[in-house]
Amino acid sequence: MQPPHLLLFLFLPILLPGMWADPEAEPQVIQYLLTGLFANISSAEVSCVGLMGDIPILTVHPANWSTHFHWPWVSQAAAEGDAEKIMSQYKIALRNIVRFVHDTVQQTRQHYPLVVQFRAGCLLYPNTTSQGFLNFGWGGRDLVDFEVDKQYWEARQPSQVAELVSKSLNEKKSVRVLLEHFLSIWICQSHFLTLKRYGRATLERQELPVATVFARTPSLDQLLLVCHVTGFYPRPISVAWLRDGLEVPPGPALHTSPILPNADLTYQLRSVLAVAPRDGHSYVCRVRHQSLGTLSLLIPWENRSAAPTVSITIVALLLLATASAGGFWWWKHR
């Protein structure tokens, strides 16, 4: 079984934004992902990672619950706030979570080992409004969500565990009020804005995409045009094929891979278009990205297979012209 801190990153593709959207219209996200691995009644290993967008900002060690900051500016932001008080409250909350999970397992007669997950954070929209969230997962499925505006826990599945957990948590009014204040005031306003101010250079980093176009021939009657785009940041990007200047619509001939991470904290993807060889159309790969501003990156596909045909035609014409000239000279001097 993988360690909890690795399990956290398995959920990142679900939590992060989609492949392409207008970056100006997307909300900014700060979230803390907590995973607890409960091997038995006396064992619990809990780890946590904090993210701003797709950038890890901190990690809580599962052994001693110590905090590691991934960037110097995160430490500076934590020093400005009441970080020590928050961490002491966090450790108390972890102990309560561990006790609560064990009690729930006993009451509902669940089985060990068990994995539970918490996801808490805030969405900050372009119009400066914000929305806190808190989700609780049990065994890989959504269990209950905390509705911040209503200060109410709502079950996300029709099960005994979900009903018991939501009922038990809703009975703790003081906890619900504290969570609403924590998510709305501390995370969405104070903490989020402080981190943005200190980490502006990292959070607003932009890297230009590099694109290349090449072809593959899996069969004599099919040609695969491949547009490979890499080295770009942030993650949202738009890649499309243009046939004679018009965008190729989605269909079975067009396949775009998921966006994958590179080792240098940038991203890459491929878009593959199946066409008929020598169909007479021109093809261009178009890339749009935040780092390009209002411009688009256009990479045409050069049909190099036509080059040998052109060369053969030119050679044939030269031979024909030479033969004609020689024949004319021979006839004139005969």
C-alpha atoms as a PDB file:
ATOM      1  CA  MET A   1       0.000   0.000   0.000  1.00  0.00           C
ATOM      2  CA  GLN A   2       1.337   3.431  -0.929  1.00  0.00           C
ATOM      3  CA  PRO A   3       2.210   5.968   1.813  1.00  0.00           C
ATOM      4  CA  PRO A   4      -0.501   8.556   2.529  1.00  0.00           C
ATOM      5  CA  HIS A   5       1.553  11.474   1.208  1.00  0.00           C
ATOM      6  CA  LEU A   6       1.736   9.696  -2.178  1.00  0.00           C
ATOM      7  CA  LEU A   7      -1.983   8.950  -2.166  1.00  0.00           C
ATOM      8  CA  LEU A   8      -2.645  12.669  -1.941  1.00  0.00           C
ATOM      9  CA  PHE A   9      -1.099  13.340  -5.323  1.00  0.00           C
ATOM     10  CA  LEU A  10      -3.252  10.705  -7.016  1.00  0.00           C
ATOM     11  CA  PHE A  11      -6.190  13.064  -6.591  1.00  0.00           C
ATOM     12  CA  LEU A  12      -4.481  16.146  -8.051  1.00  0.00           C
ATOM     13  CA  PRO A  13      -5.754  15.649 -11.632  1.00  0.00           C
ATOM     14  CA  ILE A  14      -9.314  15.666 -10.215  1.00  0.00           C
ATOM     15  CA  LEU A  15      -8.749  18.702  -8.029  1.00  0.00           C
ATOM     16  CA  LEU A  16      -6.927  20.843 -10.535  1.00  0.00           C
ATOM     17  CA  PRO A  17      -8.617  22.927 -13.321  1.00  0.00           C
ATOM     18  CA  GLY A  18      -9.596  21.407 -16.665  1.00  0.00           C
ATOM     19  CA  MET A  19      -7.417  21.271 -19.758  1.00  0.00           C
ATOM     20  CA  TRP A  20      -8.402  24.700 -21.053  1.00  0.00           C
ATOM     21  CA  ALA A  21     -10.393  27.611 -19.832  1.00  0.00           C
ATOM     22  CA  ASP A  22      -9.936  31.354 -19.864  1.00  0.00           C
ATOM     23  CA  PRO A  23      -7.314  31.931 -17.140  1.00  0.00           C
ATOM     24  CA  GLU A  24      -8.953  35.249 -16.255  1.00  0.00           C
ATOM     25  CA  ALA A  25     -12.260  33.484 -15.558  1.00  0.00           C
ATOM     26  CA  GLU A  26     -10.864  30.666 -13.425  1.00  0.00           C
ATOM     27  CA  PRO A  27     -10.967  30.899  -9.643  1.00  0.00           C
ATOM     28  CA  GLN A  28      -7.717  30.629  -7.740  1.00  0.00           C
ATOM     29  CA  VAL A  29      -7.559  27.700  -5.354  1.00  0.00           C
ATOM     30  CA  ILE A  30      -5.833  27.114  -2.048  1.00  0.00           C
ATOM     31  CA  GLN A  31      -6.437  23.709  -0.493  1.00  0.00           C
ATOM     32  CA  TYR A  32      -5.137  21.390   2.181  1.00  0.00           C
ATOM     33  CA  LEU A  33      -5.341  17.660   1.491  1.00  0.00           C
ATOM     34  CA  LEU A  34      -5.233  15.381   4.513  1.00  0.00           C
ATOM     35  CA  THR A  35      -5.007  11.607   4.268  1.00  0.00           C
ATOM     36  CA  GLY A  36      -5.310   9.226   7.201  1.00  0.00           C
ATOM     37  CA  LEU A  37      -4.314   5.568   6.981  1.00  0.00           C
ATOM     38  CA  PHE A  38      -5.893   3.536   9.791  1.00  0.00           C
ATOM     39  CA  ALA A  39      -4.288   0.095   9.905  1.00  0.00           C
ATOM     40  CA  ASN A  40      -6.082  -1.081  13.058  1.00  0.00           C
ATOM     41  CA  ILE A  41      -7.781   0.154  16.222  1.00  0.00           C
ATOM     42  CA  SER A  42      -4.506   1.378  17.718  1.00  0.00           C
ATOM     43  CA  SER A  43      -2.787   2.680  14.587  1.00  0.00           C
ATOM     44  CA  ALA A  44      -3.266   5.895  12.578  1.00  0.00           C
ATOM     45  CA  GLU A  45      -0.869   7.595  10.174  1.00  0.00           C
ATOM     46  CA  VAL A  46      -1.964  11.063   9.093  1.00  0.00           C
ATOM     47  CA  SER A  47      -0.230  13.306   6.558  1.00  0.00           C
ATOM     48  CA  CYS A  48      -1.144  16.611   4.929  1.00  0.00           C
ATOM     49  CA  VAL A  49      -0.046  18.736   1.981  1.00  0.00           C
ATOM     50  CA  GLY A  50      -0.991  22.319   1.168  1.00  0.00           C
ATOM     51  CA  LEU A  51      -1.360  23.590  -2.405  1.00  0.00           C
ATOM     52  CA  MET A  52      -1.883  26.945  -4.079  1.00  0.00           C
ATOM     53  CA  GLY A  53      -3.133  26.000  -7.508  1.00  0.00           C
ATOM     54  CA  ASP A  54      -0.748  23.204  -8.440  1.00  0.00           C
ATOM     55  CA  ILE A  55       2.164  24.495  -6.361  1.00  0.00           C
ATOM     56  CA  PRO A  56       2.909  22.619  -3.102  1.00  0.00           C
ATOM     57  CA  ILE A  57       3.430  25.115  -0.294  1.00  0.00           C
ATOM     58  CA  LEU A  58       3.762  22.918   2.794  1.00  0.00           C
ATOM     59  CA  THR A  59       3.817  19.335   3.999  1.00  0.00           C
ATOM     60  CA  VAL A  60       2.968  17.968   7.446  1.00  0.00           C
ATOM     61  CA  HIS A  61       5.096  14.949   8.376  1.00  0.00           C
ATOM     62  CA  PRO A  62       2.975  11.916   9.369  1.00  0.00           C
ATOM     63  CA  ALA A  63       5.319  10.811  12.175  1.00  0.00           C
ATOM     64  CA  ASN A  64       5.576  13.899  14.382  1.00  0.00           C
ATOM     65  CA  TRP A  65       3.173  16.311  12.573  1.00  0.00           C
ATOM     66  CA  SER A  66       5.980  18.796  12.005  1.00  0.00           C
ATOM     67  CA  THR A  67       5.539  21.308   9.158  1.00  0.00           C
ATOM     68  CA  HIS A  68       7.893  21.665   6.206  1.00  0.00           C
ATOM     69  CA  PHE A  69       7.553  24.816   4.065  1.00  0.00           C
ATOM     70  CA  HIS A  70       8.471  24.294   0.404  1.00  0.00           C
ATOM     71  CA  TRP A  71       9.318  27.945  -0.326  1.00  0.00           C
ATOM     72  CA  PRO A  72      10.972  30.713   1.713  1.00  0.00           C
ATOM     73  CA  TRP A  73       8.050  33.047   1.008  1.00  0.00           C
ATOM     74  CA  VAL A  74       5.661  30.550   2.634  1.00  0.00           C
ATOM     75  CA  SER A  75       7.730  30.754   5.826  1.00  0.00           C
ATOM     76  CA  GLN A  76       7.608  34.552   5.639  1.00  0.00           C
ATOM     77  CA  ALA A  77       3.828  34.506   5.193  1.00  0.00           C
ATOM     78  CA  ALA A  78       3.464  32.086   8.110  1.00  0.00           C
ATOM     79  CA  ALA A  79       5.621  34.315  10.315  1.00  0.00           C
ATOM     80  CA  GLU A  80       3.336  37.283   9.620  1.00  0.00           C
ATOM     81  CA  GLY A  81       0.262  35.350  10.732  1.00  0.00           C
ATOM     82  CA  ASP A  82      -0.360  33.495  13.944  1.00  0.00           C
ATOM     83  CA  ALA A  83       1.174  30.283  12.600  1.00  0.00           C
ATOM     84  CA  GLU A  84       2.112  28.762  15.955  1.00  0.00           C
ATOM     85  CA  LYS A  85      -1.420  29.109  17.304  1.00  0.00           C
ATOM     86  CA  ILE A  86      -2.898  27.645  14.111  1.00  0.00           C
ATOM     87  CA  MET A  87      -0.535  24.653  14.203  1.00  0.00           C
ATOM     88  CA  SER A  88      -1.344  23.923  17.831  1.00  0.00           C
ATOM     89  CA  GLN A  89      -5.047  23.965  16.966  1.00  0.00           C
ATOM     90  CA  TYR A  90      -4.300  21.789  13.932  1.00  0.00           C
ATOM     91  CA  LYS A  91      -2.660  19.119  16.118  1.00  0.00           C
ATOM     92  CA  ILE A  92      -5.636  19.137  18.465  1.00  0.00           C
ATOM     93  CA  ALA A  93      -7.940  18.759  15.473  1.00  0.00           C
ATOM     94  CA  LEU A  94      -5.876  15.807  14.192  1.00  0.00           C
ATOM     95  CA  ARG A  95      -6.208  14.000  17.502  1.00  0.00           C
ATOM     96  CA  ASN A  96      -9.967  14.569  17.461  1.00  0.00           C
ATOM     97  CA  ILE A  97     -10.202  13.319  13.880  1.00  0.00           C
ATOM     98  CA  VAL A  98      -8.293  10.134  14.741  1.00  0.00           C
ATOM     99  CA  ARG A  99     -10.537   9.490  17.735  1.00  0.00           C
ATOM    100  CA  PHE A 100     -13.676  10.259  15.719  1.00  0.00           C
ATOM    101  CA  VAL A 101     -12.742   7.843  12.915  1.00  0.00           C
ATOM    102  CA  HIS A 102     -11.986   5.009  15.330  1.00  0.00           C
ATOM    103  CA  ASP A 103     -15.316   5.607  17.136  1.00  0.00           C
ATOM    104  CA  THR A 104     -17.195   5.615  13.817  1.00  0.00           C
ATOM    105  CA  VAL A 105     -15.558   2.349  12.754  1.00  0.00           C
ATOM    106  CA  GLN A 106     -16.646   0.706  16.002  1.00  0.00           C
ATOM    107  CA  GLN A 107     -20.216   2.017  15.832  1.00  0.00           C
ATOM    108  CA  THR A 108     -20.773   1.039  12.199  1.00  0.00           C
ATOM    109  CA  ARG A 109     -18.716  -2.173  12.369  1.00  0.00           C
ATOM    110  CA  GLN A 110     -16.431  -1.167   9.528  1.00  0.00           C
ATOM    111  CA  HIS A 111     -13.227  -3.034   8.786  1.00  0.00           C
ATOM    112  CA  TYR A 112      -9.569  -2.058   8.889  1.00  0.00           C
ATOM    113  CA  PRO A 113      -7.406  -1.035   7.102  1.00  0.00           C
ATOM    114  CA  LEU A 114      -9.204   2.167   6.194  1.00  0.00           C
ATOM    115  CA  VAL A 115      -8.239   5.340   4.331  1.00  0.00           C
ATOM    116  CA  VAL A 116     -10.011   8.645   5.001  1.00  0.00           C
ATOM    117  CA  GLN A 117      -9.427  11.987   3.277  1.00  0.00           C
ATOM    118  CA  PHE A 118     -10.190  15.600   4.056  1.00  0.00           C
ATOM    119  CA  ARG A 119     -10.028  18.435   1.543  1.00  0.00           C
ATOM    120  CA  ALA A 120     -10.368  21.972   2.910  1.00  0.00           C
ATOM    121  CA  GLY A 121      -9.678  25.299   1.274  1.00  0.00           C
ATOM    122  CA  CYS A 122     -11.010  28.279  -0.598  1.00  0.00           C
ATOM    123  CA  LEU A 123     -11.903  29.385  -4.120  1.00  0.00           C
ATOM    124  CA  LEU A 124     -11.090  33.024  -4.882  1.00  0.00           C
ATOM    125  CA  TYR A 125     -12.996  34.295  -7.942  1.00  0.00           C
ATOM    126  CA  PRO A 126     -11.890  37.122 -10.301  1.00  0.00           C
ATOM    127  CA  ASN A 127     -14.634  39.401  -8.915  1.00  0.00           C
ATOM    128  CA  THR A 128     -12.884  39.096  -5.471  1.00  0.00           C
ATOM    129  CA  THR A 129     -15.660  36.933  -3.986  1.00  0.00           C
ATOM    130  CA  SER A 130     -14.608  33.715  -2.280  1.00  0.00           C
ATOM    131  CA  GLN A 131     -16.077  30.377  -1.232  1.00  0.00           C
ATOM    132  CA  GLY A 132     -14.686  28.021   1.391  1.00  0.00           C
ATOM    133  CA  PHE A 133     -15.109  24.260   1.158  1.00  0.00           C
ATOM    134  CA  LEU A 134     -14.571  21.165   3.287  1.00  0.00           C
ATOM    135  CA  ASN A 135     -15.053  17.604   1.988  1.00  0.00           C
ATOM    136  CA  PHE A 136     -14.720  14.319   3.855  1.00  0.00           C
ATOM    137  CA  GLY A 137     -13.999  11.075   1.998  1.00  0.00           C
ATOM    138  CA  TRP A 138     -14.211   7.531   3.377  1.00  0.00           C
ATOM    139  CA  GLY A 139     -12.658   4.542   1.655  1.00  0.00           C
ATOM    140  CA  GLY A 140     -12.113   6.400  -1.598  1.00  0.00           C
ATOM    141  CA  ARG A 141     -15.669   7.776  -1.880  1.00  0.00           C
ATOM    142  CA  ASP A 142     -17.248  11.114  -0.986  1.00  0.00           C
ATOM    143  CA  LEU A 143     -18.875  10.797   2.419  1.00  0.00           C
ATOM    144  CA  VAL A 144     -20.022  14.209   3.722  1.00  0.00           C
ATOM    145  CA  ASP A 145     -19.497  17.867   2.776  1.00  0.00           C
ATOM    146  CA  PHE A 146     -19.613  20.933   5.000  1.00  0.00           C
ATOM    147  CA  GLU A 147     -21.882  23.633   3.566  1.00  0.00           C
ATOM    148  CA  VAL A 148     -20.056  26.743   4.764  1.00  0.00           C
ATOM    149  CA  ASP A 149     -22.887  29.225   4.205  1.00  0.00           C
ATOM    150  CA  LYS A 150     -25.392  27.010   6.038  1.00  0.00           C
ATOM    151  CA  GLN A 151     -22.950  25.765   8.694  1.00  0.00           C
ATOM    152  CA  TYR A 152     -24.310  22.297   7.980  1.00  0.00           C
ATOM    153  CA  TRP A 153     -22.860  18.864   7.197  1.00  0.00           C
ATOM    154  CA  GLU A 154     -24.587  17.084   4.307  1.00  0.00           C
ATOM    155  CA  ALA A 155     -24.295  13.378   3.456  1.00  0.00           C
ATOM    156  CA  ARG A 156     -23.015  12.555  -0.043  1.00  0.00           C
ATOM    157  CA  GLN A 157     -24.005   8.886  -0.107  1.00  0.00           C
ATOM    158  CA  PRO A 158     -26.945   6.856   1.233  1.00  0.00           C
ATOM    159  CA  SER A 159     -25.011   4.792   3.751  1.00  0.00           C
ATOM    160  CA  GLN A 160     -25.025   4.145   7.470  1.00  0.00           C
ATOM    161  CA  VAL A 161     -21.594   5.729   7.838  1.00  0.00           C
ATOM    162  CA  ALA A 162     -22.589   8.938   6.004  1.00  0.00           C
ATOM    163  CA  GLU A 163     -25.778   9.313   8.020  1.00  0.00           C
ATOM    164  CA  LEU A 164     -24.000   8.697  11.320  1.00  0.00           C
ATOM    165  CA  VAL A 165     -21.120  11.057  10.540  1.00  0.00           C
ATOM    166  CA  SER A 166     -23.320  13.914   9.280  1.00  0.00           C
ATOM    167  CA  LYS A 167     -25.676  13.589  12.242  1.00  0.00           C
ATOM    168  CA  SER A 168     -22.850  13.472  14.769  1.00  0.00           C
ATOM    169  CA  LEU A 169     -21.029  16.474  13.279  1.00  0.00           C
ATOM    170  CA  ASN A 170     -24.200  18.557  12.972  1.00  0.00           C
ATOM    171  CA  GLU A 171     -24.799  18.113  16.688  1.00  0.00           C
ATOM    172  CA  LYS A 172     -21.526  19.932  17.432  1.00  0.00           C
ATOM    173  CA  LYS A 173     -22.675  23.533  16.916  1.00  0.00           C
ATOM    174  CA  SER A 174     -19.521  25.110  18.312  1.00  0.00           C
ATOM    175  CA  VAL A 175     -17.422  23.109  15.818  1.00  0.00           C
ATOM    176  CA  ARG A 176     -19.638  24.190  12.922  1.00  0.00           C
ATOM    177  CA  VAL A 177     -19.304  27.870  13.867  1.00  0.00           C
ATOM    178  CA  LEU A 178     -15.541  27.503  14.231  1.00  0.00           C
ATOM    179  CA  LEU A 179     -15.241  25.805  10.828  1.00  0.00           C
ATOM    180  CA  GLU A 180     -17.282  28.534   9.131  1.00  0.00           C
ATOM    181  CA  HIS A 181     -15.016  31.207  10.619  1.00  0.00           C
ATOM    182  CA  PHE A 182     -11.858  29.231   9.791  1.00  0.00           C
ATOM    183  CA  LEU A 183     -12.786  28.621   6.149  1.00  0.00           C
ATOM    184  CA  SER A 184     -14.337  32.004   5.374  1.00  0.00           C
ATOM    185  CA  ILE A 185     -12.192  34.419   7.381  1.00  0.00           C
ATOM    186  CA  TRP A 186      -8.825  32.813   7.996  1.00  0.00           C
ATOM    187  CA  ILE A 187      -8.246  30.781   4.804  1.00  0.00           C
ATOM    188  CA  CYS A 188     -10.240  32.790   2.250  1.00  0.00           C
ATOM    189  CA  GLN A 189      -9.213  36.253   3.413  1.00  0.00           C
ATOM    190  CA  SER A 190      -6.206  36.509   5.716  1.00  0.00           C
ATOM    191  CA  HIS A 191      -4.154  33.417   4.820  1.00  0.00           C
ATOM    192  CA  PHE A 192      -4.871  33.338   1.078  1.00  0.00           C
ATOM    193  CA  LEU A 193      -4.112  37.028   0.475  1.00  0.00           C
ATOM    194  CA  THR A 194      -0.941  36.945   2.586  1.00  0.00           C
ATOM    195  CA  LEU A 195       0.435  33.993   0.636  1.00  0.00           C
ATOM    196  CA  LYS A 196      -0.397  35.693  -2.665  1.00  0.00           C
ATOM    197  CA  ARG A 197       1.470  38.824  -1.618  1.00  0.00           C
ATOM    198  CA  TYR A 198       4.647  37.016  -0.569  1.00  0.00           C
ATOM    199  CA  GLY A 199       4.621  34.433  -3.359  1.00  0.00           C
ATOM    200  CA  ARG A 200       3.621  36.626  -6.287  1.00  0.00           C
ATOM    201  CA  ALA A 201       6.730  35.825  -8.363  1.00  0.00           C
ATOM    202  CA  THR A 202       6.219  32.057  -8.020  1.00  0.00           C
ATOM    203  CA  LEU A 203       2.435  32.040  -8.289  1.00  0.00           C
ATOM    204  CA  GLU A 204       2.384  34.278 -11.384  1.00  0.00           C
ATOM    205  CA  ARG A 205       5.233  32.501 -13.186  1.00  0.00           C
ATOM    206  CA  GLN A 206       4.703  32.025 -16.924  1.00  0.00           C
ATOM    207  CA  GLU A 207       6.668  29.789 -19.296  1.00  0.00           C
ATOM    208  CA  LEU A 208       6.224  29.897 -23.082  1.00  0.00           C
ATOM    209  CA  PRO A 209       5.127  26.678 -24.821  1.00  0.00           C
ATOM    210  CA  VAL A 210       7.441  25.016 -27.351  1.00  0.00           C
ATOM    211  CA  ALA A 211       5.618  23.120 -30.089  1.00  0.00           C
ATOM    212  CA  THR A 212       6.773  20.742 -32.832  1.00  0.00           C
ATOM    213  CA  VAL A 213       4.785  18.988 -35.553  1.00  0.00           C
ATOM    214  CA  PHE A 214       5.726  15.654 -37.099  1.00  0.00           C
ATOM    215  CA  ALA A 215       4.020  12.719 -38.828  1.00  0.00           C
ATOM    216  CA  ARG A 216       3.627   8.976 -38.289  1.00  0.00           C
ATOM    217  CA  THR A 217       2.442   6.429 -40.862  1.00  0.00           C
ATOM    218  CA  PRO A 218       0.831   3.426 -39.151  1.00  0.00           C
ATOM    219  CA  SER A 219      -0.556   2.225 -42.499  1.00  0.00           C
ATOM    220  CA  LEU A 220      -0.412   3.097 -46.199  1.00  0.00           C
ATOM    221  CA  ASP A 221      -3.843   4.722 -46.131  1.00  0.00           C
ATOM    222  CA  GLN A 222      -3.438   6.696 -42.884  1.00  0.00           C
ATOM    223  CA  LEU A 223      -1.200   9.512 -41.742  1.00  0.00           C
ATOM    224  CA  LEU A 224      -1.022  10.672 -38.127  1.00  0.00           C
ATOM    225  CA  LEU A 225      -0.096  14.311 -37.603  1.00  0.00           C
ATOM    226  CA  VAL A 226       1.341  14.866 -34.113  1.00  0.00           C
ATOM    227  CA  CYS A 227       1.587  18.243 -32.387  1.00  0.00           C
ATOM    228  CA  HIS A 228       3.779  18.004 -29.284  1.00  0.00           C
ATOM    229  CA  VAL A 229       3.596  20.999 -26.939  1.00  0.00           C
ATOM    230  CA  THR A 230       5.858  21.195 -23.901  1.00  0.00           C
ATOM    231  CA  GLY A 231       7.531  23.522 -21.408  1.00  0.00           C
ATOM    232  CA  PHE A 232       4.478  25.685 -20.688  1.00  0.00           C
ATOM    233  CA  TYR A 233       3.222  27.077 -17.396  1.00  0.00           C
ATOM    234  CA  PRO A 234       0.602  27.643 -16.009  1.00  0.00           C
ATOM    235  CA  ARG A 235      -1.355  24.525 -16.819  1.00  0.00           C
ATOM    236  CA  PRO A 236      -4.406  25.761 -18.822  1.00  0.00           C
ATOM    237  CA  ILE A 237      -3.744  25.627 -22.576  1.00  0.00           C
ATOM    238  CA  SER A 238      -5.634  25.275 -25.843  1.00  0.00           C
ATOM    239  CA  VAL A 239      -4.288  23.135 -28.703  1.00  0.00           C
ATOM    240  CA  ALA A 240      -6.257  22.769 -31.946  1.00  0.00           C
ATOM    241  CA  TRP A 241      -5.693  21.675 -35.548  1.00  0.00           C
ATOM    242  CA  LEU A 242      -6.602  23.941 -38.481  1.00  0.00           C
ATOM    243  CA  ARG A 243      -7.490  22.397 -41.840  1.00  0.00           C
ATOM    244  CA  ASP A 244      -7.213  25.011 -44.599  1.00  0.00           C
ATOM    245  CA  GLY A 245      -7.542  27.685 -41.900  1.00  0.00           C
ATOM    246  CA  LEU A 246     -10.645  26.205 -40.222  1.00  0.00           C
ATOM    247  CA  GLU A 247     -10.544  24.475 -36.837  1.00  0.00           C
ATOM    248  CA  VAL A 248     -10.985  20.689 -36.974  1.00  0.00           C
ATOM    249  CA  PRO A 249     -14.000  19.794 -34.782  1.00  0.00           C
ATOM    250  CA  PRO A 250     -13.817  17.017 -32.158  1.00  0.00           C
ATOM    251  CA  GLY A 251     -14.264  13.541 -33.586  1.00  0.00           C
ATOM    252  CA  PRO A 252     -12.748  10.055 -33.827  1.00  0.00           C
ATOM    253  CA  ALA A 253      -9.900  11.343 -36.002  1.00  0.00           C
ATOM    254  CA  LEU A 254      -8.734  13.818 -33.336  1.00  0.00           C
ATOM    255  CA  HIS A 255      -7.205  12.759 -30.040  1.00  0.00           C
ATOM    256  CA  THR A 256      -5.585  15.011 -27.427  1.00  0.00           C
ATOM    257  CA  SER A 257      -3.696  13.521 -24.511  1.00  0.00           C
ATOM    258  CA  PRO A 258      -4.131  14.637 -20.892  1.00  0.00           C
ATOM    259  CA  ILE A 259      -1.824  17.397 -19.694  1.00  0.00           C
ATOM    260  CA  LEU A 260       1.192  15.760 -18.056  1.00  0.00           C
ATOM    261  CA  PRO A 261       3.811  17.287 -15.726  1.00  0.00           C
ATOM    262  CA  ASN A 262       7.483  17.710 -16.606  1.00  0.00           C
ATOM    263  CA  ALA A 263      10.341  17.390 -14.123  1.00  0.00           C
ATOM    264  CA  ASP A 264      11.005  21.163 -14.273  1.00  0.00           C
ATOM    265  CA  LEU A 265       7.500  22.063 -12.985  1.00  0.00           C
ATOM    266  CA  THR A 266       6.136  22.736 -16.468  1.00  0.00           C
ATOM    267  CA  TYR A 267       3.616  20.736 -18.523  1.00  0.00           C
ATOM    268  CA  GLN A 268       3.285  18.917 -21.837  1.00  0.00           C
ATOM    269  CA  LEU A 269       0.654  17.284 -24.053  1.00  0.00           C
ATOM    270  CA  ARG A 270       0.148  15.858 -27.548  1.00  0.00           C
ATOM    271  CA  SER A 271      -2.617  16.344 -30.064  1.00  0.00           C
ATOM    272  CA  VAL A 272      -2.873  13.714 -32.823  1.00  0.00           C
ATOM    273  CA  LEU A 273      -4.933  14.103 -36.002  1.00  0.00           C
ATOM    274  CA  ALA A 274      -5.535  11.191 -38.407  1.00  0.00           C
ATOM    275  CA  VAL A 275      -5.687  12.228 -42.083  1.00  0.00           C
ATOM    276  CA  ALA A 276      -5.491  10.576 -45.486  1.00  0.00           C
ATOM    277  CA  PRO A 277      -2.067  10.816 -47.140  1.00  0.00           C
ATOM    278  CA  ARG A 278      -1.886  13.448 -49.899  1.00  0.00           C
ATOM    279  CA  ASP A 279      -5.469  14.629 -49.301  1.00  0.00           C
ATOM    280  CA  GLY A 280      -4.627  18.056 -50.709  1.00  0.00           C
ATOM    281  CA  HIS A 281      -5.347  20.012 -47.496  1.00  0.00           C
ATOM    282  CA  SER A 282      -3.014  22.190 -45.463  1.00  0.00           C
ATOM    283  CA  TYR A 283      -2.722  21.583 -41.699  1.00  0.00           C
ATOM    284  CA  VAL A 284      -1.581  23.879 -38.920  1.00  0.00           C
ATOM    285  CA  CYS A 285      -1.314  23.240 -35.166  1.00  0.00           C
ATOM    286  CA  ARG A 286      -2.551  26.253 -33.199  1.00  0.00           C
ATOM    287  CA  VAL A 287      -1.507  26.803 -29.570  1.00  0.00           C
ATOM    288  CA  ARG A 288      -3.028  29.384 -27.246  1.00  0.00           C
ATOM    289  CA  HIS A 289      -1.608  30.037 -23.793  1.00  0.00           C
ATOM    290  CA  GLN A 290      -1.617  32.715 -21.138  1.00  0.00           C
ATOM    291  CA  SER A 291       2.098  33.406 -21.663  1.00  0.00           C
ATOM    292  CA  LEU A 292       1.412  34.291 -25.325  1.00  0.00           C
ATOM    293  CA  GLY A 293      -1.095  37.001 -24.457  1.00  0.00           C
ATOM    294  CA  THR A 294      -3.509  37.581 -27.348  1.00  0.00           C
ATOM    295  CA  LEU A 295      -1.193  35.881 -29.838  1.00  0.00           C
ATOM    296  CA  SER A 296      -1.368  32.273 -31.043  1.00  0.00           C
ATOM    297  CA  LEU A 297       1.469  29.906 -31.842  1.00  0.00           C
ATOM    298  CA  LEU A 298       0.972  28.464 -35.363  1.00  0.00           C
ATOM    299  CA  ILE A 299       3.061  25.486 -36.500  1.00  0.00           C
ATOM    300  CA  PRO A 300       2.335  24.257 -40.055  1.00  0.00           C
ATOM    301  CA  TRP A 301       2.857  20.681 -41.113  1.00  0.00           C
ATOM    302  CA  GLU A 302       5.210  20.445 -44.064  1.00  0.00           C
ATOM    303  CA  ASN A 303       4.334  17.531 -46.339  1.00  0.00           C
ATOM    304  CA  ARG A 304       7.863  16.402 -47.005  1.00  0.00           C
ATOM    305  CA  SER A 305       6.587  13.306 -48.803  1.00  0.00           C
ATOM    306  CA  ALA A 306       5.809  15.559 -51.754  1.00  0.00           C
ATOM    307  CA  ALA A 307       9.483  16.572 -52.069  1.00  0.00           C
ATOM    308  CA  PRO A 308      10.695  13.335 -53.754  1.00  0.00           C
ATOM    309  CA  THR A 309       7.827  13.562 -56.250  1.00  0.00           C
ATOM    310  CA  VAL A 310       8.781  17.124 -57.151  1.00  0.00           C
ATOM    311  CA  SER A 311      12.455  16.174 -57.473  1.00  0.00           C
ATOM    312  CA  ILE A 312      11.660  13.223 -59.740  1.00  0.00           C
ATOM    313  CA  THR A 313       9.457  15.445 -61.903  1.00  0.00           C
ATOM    314  CA  ILE A 314      12.199  18.077 -62.253  1.00  0.00           C
ATOM    315  CA  VAL A 315      14.813  15.441 -63.155  1.00  0.00           C
ATOM    316  CA  ALA A 316      12.460  13.918 -65.738  1.00  0.00           C
ATOM    317  CA  LEU A 317      11.852  17.327 -67.330  1.00  0.00           C
ATOM    318  CA  LEU A 318      15.591  18.031 -67.475  1.00  0.00           C
ATOM    319  CA  LEU A 319      16.277  14.654 -69.115  1.00  0.00           C
ATOM    320  CA  LEU A 320      13.493  15.285 -71.615  1.00  0.00           C
ATOM    321  CA  ALA A 321      14.874  18.748 -72.420  1.00  0.00           C
ATOM    322  CA  THR A 322      18.402  17.346 -72.844  1.00  0.00           C
ATOM    323  CA  ALA A 323      17.185  14.555 -75.108  1.00  0.00           C
ATOM    324  CA  SER A 324      15.199  17.011 -77.196  1.00  0.00           C
ATOM    325  CA  ALA A 325      18.179  19.346 -77.538  1.00  0.00           C
ATOM    326  CA  GLY A 326      20.433  16.443 -78.514  1.00  0.00           C
ATOM    327  CA  GLY A 327      17.930  15.183 -81.045  1.00  0.00           C
ATOM    328  CA  PHE A 328      17.565  18.615 -82.567  1.00  0.00           C
ATOM    329  CA  TRP A 329      21.390  19.002 -82.804  1.00  0.00           C
ATOM    330  CA  TRP A 330      21.745  15.578 -84.461  1.00  0.00           C
ATOM    331  CA  TRP A 331      18.961  16.311 -86.983  1.00  0.00           C
ATOM    332  CA  LYS A 332      20.443  19.731 -87.838  1.00  0.00           C
ATOM    333  CA  HIS A 333      23.971  18.397 -88.433  1.00  0.00           C
ATOM    334  CA  ARG A 334      22.933  15.248 -90.265  1.00  0.00           C
END
